[in-house]
Amino acid sequence: MAGEIVHIEYPATDADRAQAFWSGLFGWRFGPSMSPEFDYRMAQTSETSGVAIMQSQETGHPNYYYDVADIDAALAKVQELGGEAGDKTPVPTHGWFAACKDTEGNIFHLWQGDENAA
């Protein structure tokens, strides 16, 4: 469904502490970091959504990703409505995402699943 939150990233200065908090609160089971260069741990929260803990010094504002059927059309709509839309970026074999801002300066992300993303 368009606009459904499909992913949330929680920035953390201490990924182990953040993982212990979210695992303790909701029972989420995080996998190991997906990259040796960047600590990024994911947990699936439902059939269609998940969360991640990411190492970052910029904390306090989670990153929300909203599902769209056509990311190009959604990015054009963001701009048409007065927001800011970044370029789409592939997540190979998973889909596309793009960072955006609404008319009030709130940052959000769009996501289009696409196993052919390269």
Protein backbone atom coordinates (compact mmCIF):
# COMPACT_ATOMS: atom_id res chain seq x y z
CA MET A 1 0.00 0.00 0.00
CA ALA A 2 1.38 3.43 -0.94
CA GLY A 3 2.63 5.37 2.05
CA GLU A 4 3.05 2.36 4.33
CA ILE A 5 6.15 2.60 6.50
CA VAL A 6 8.31 -0.28 5.35
CA HIS A 7 11.60 0.51 7.07
CA ILE A 8 12.93 2.60 9.95
CA GLU A 9 16.61 3.23 10.63
CA TYR A 10 17.69 4.10 14.17
CA PRO A 11 21.02 5.96 14.24
CA ALA A 12 23.14 4.95 17.25
CA THR A 13 26.47 5.99 18.72
CA ASP A 14 26.52 2.60 20.50
CA ALA A 15 24.94 -0.04 18.25
CA ASP A 16 25.19 -2.78 20.89
CA ARG A 17 23.32 -0.65 23.42
CA ALA A 18 20.66 0.32 20.84
CA GLN A 19 20.21 -3.31 19.82
CA ALA A 20 19.79 -4.35 23.46
CA PHE A 21 17.14 -1.64 23.93
CA TRP A 22 15.02 -2.46 20.86
CA SER A 23 15.42 -6.21 21.30
CA GLY A 24 14.40 -5.89 24.94
CA LEU A 25 11.43 -3.65 24.20
CA PHE A 26 9.86 -5.53 21.27
CA GLY A 27 11.77 -8.80 21.03
CA TRP A 28 13.22 -7.86 17.63
CA ARG A 29 15.99 -10.18 16.49
CA PHE A 30 18.74 -8.34 14.71
CA GLY A 31 21.15 -10.02 12.36
CA PRO A 32 24.86 -9.28 12.24
CA SER A 33 26.10 -6.16 10.51
CA MET A 34 25.49 -6.31 6.78
CA SER A 35 28.84 -4.65 6.01
CA PRO A 36 32.36 -4.94 7.42
CA GLU A 37 32.92 -1.20 6.77
CA PHE A 38 29.68 0.12 8.28
CA ASP A 39 27.73 -1.25 11.26
CA TYR A 40 24.20 -1.76 9.90
CA ARG A 41 22.04 -4.39 11.63
CA MET A 42 18.56 -5.31 10.44
CA ALA A 43 15.51 -7.01 11.97
CA GLN A 44 12.29 -7.96 10.24
CA THR A 45 9.24 -6.69 12.14
CA SER A 46 6.51 -8.05 9.85
CA GLU A 47 6.07 -9.65 6.45
CA THR A 48 6.46 -6.26 4.77
CA SER A 49 8.55 -4.13 7.12
CA GLY A 50 11.77 -4.01 9.04
CA VAL A 51 14.08 -1.87 11.12
CA ALA A 52 17.80 -1.23 11.24
CA ILE A 53 20.34 0.08 13.71
CA MET A 54 23.06 2.07 12.03
CA GLN A 55 26.25 3.44 13.52
CA SER A 56 26.11 7.23 13.43
CA GLN A 57 27.16 10.27 15.42
CA GLU A 58 23.98 12.04 14.26
CA THR A 59 21.28 10.58 16.49
CA GLY A 60 17.85 11.67 17.66
CA HIS A 61 15.96 11.42 14.39
CA PRO A 62 15.08 8.01 12.93
CA ASN A 63 14.88 7.67 9.15
CA TYR A 64 11.46 6.56 7.88
CA TYR A 65 11.02 4.85 4.51
CA TYR A 66 7.58 4.94 2.85
CA ASP A 67 6.48 2.47 0.20
CA VAL A 68 5.61 3.77 -3.28
CA ALA A 69 4.65 1.87 -6.42
CA ASP A 70 6.62 4.19 -8.75
CA ILE A 71 9.52 6.06 -7.19
CA ASP A 72 10.03 8.34 -10.19
CA ALA A 73 6.39 9.47 -10.12
CA ALA A 74 6.52 9.91 -6.33
CA LEU A 75 9.68 12.03 -6.53
CA ALA A 76 8.02 14.24 -9.15
CA LYS A 77 4.96 14.57 -6.87
CA VAL A 78 7.15 15.60 -3.92
CA GLN A 79 8.56 18.44 -6.01
CA GLU A 80 5.15 19.38 -7.42
CA LEU A 81 3.84 19.75 -3.86
CA GLY A 82 6.72 22.03 -2.86
CA GLY A 83 9.01 19.51 -1.21
CA GLU A 84 12.57 18.51 -2.05
CA ALA A 85 13.41 15.20 -3.70
CA GLY A 86 16.85 13.66 -3.92
CA ASP A 87 18.05 11.25 -6.58
CA LYS A 88 16.95 7.64 -6.38
CA THR A 89 19.64 5.19 -5.31
CA PRO A 90 19.61 1.45 -5.98
CA VAL A 91 19.88 -1.24 -3.34
CA PRO A 92 20.90 -4.05 -5.70
CA THR A 93 18.36 -6.88 -5.94
CA HIS A 94 16.04 -5.14 -3.44
CA GLY A 95 14.82 -1.79 -4.73
CA TRP A 96 15.29 1.96 -4.87
CA PHE A 97 15.27 4.69 -2.23
CA ALA A 98 15.48 8.46 -2.23
CA ALA A 99 15.81 11.05 0.52
CA CYS A 100 13.23 13.84 0.51
CA LYS A 101 12.01 16.79 2.57
CA ASP A 102 8.43 17.92 3.00
CA THR A 103 7.38 21.58 2.85
CA GLU A 104 8.28 21.98 6.55
CA GLY A 105 11.82 20.61 6.20
CA ASN A 106 11.06 17.16 7.65
CA ILE A 107 13.31 14.50 6.17
CA PHE A 108 11.77 11.25 4.95
CA HIS A 109 12.63 8.56 2.42
CA LEU A 110 10.72 6.87 -0.37
CA TRP A 111 11.16 3.18 -1.17
CA GLN A 112 10.18 1.14 -4.21
CA GLY A 113 10.82 -2.59 -4.04
CA ASP A 114 12.40 -3.89 -7.25
CA GLU A 115 14.46 -7.08 -7.44
CA ASN A 116 15.93 -5.80 -10.74
CA ALA A 117 17.46 -2.67 -9.16
CA ALA A 118 21.14 -2.50 -9.98
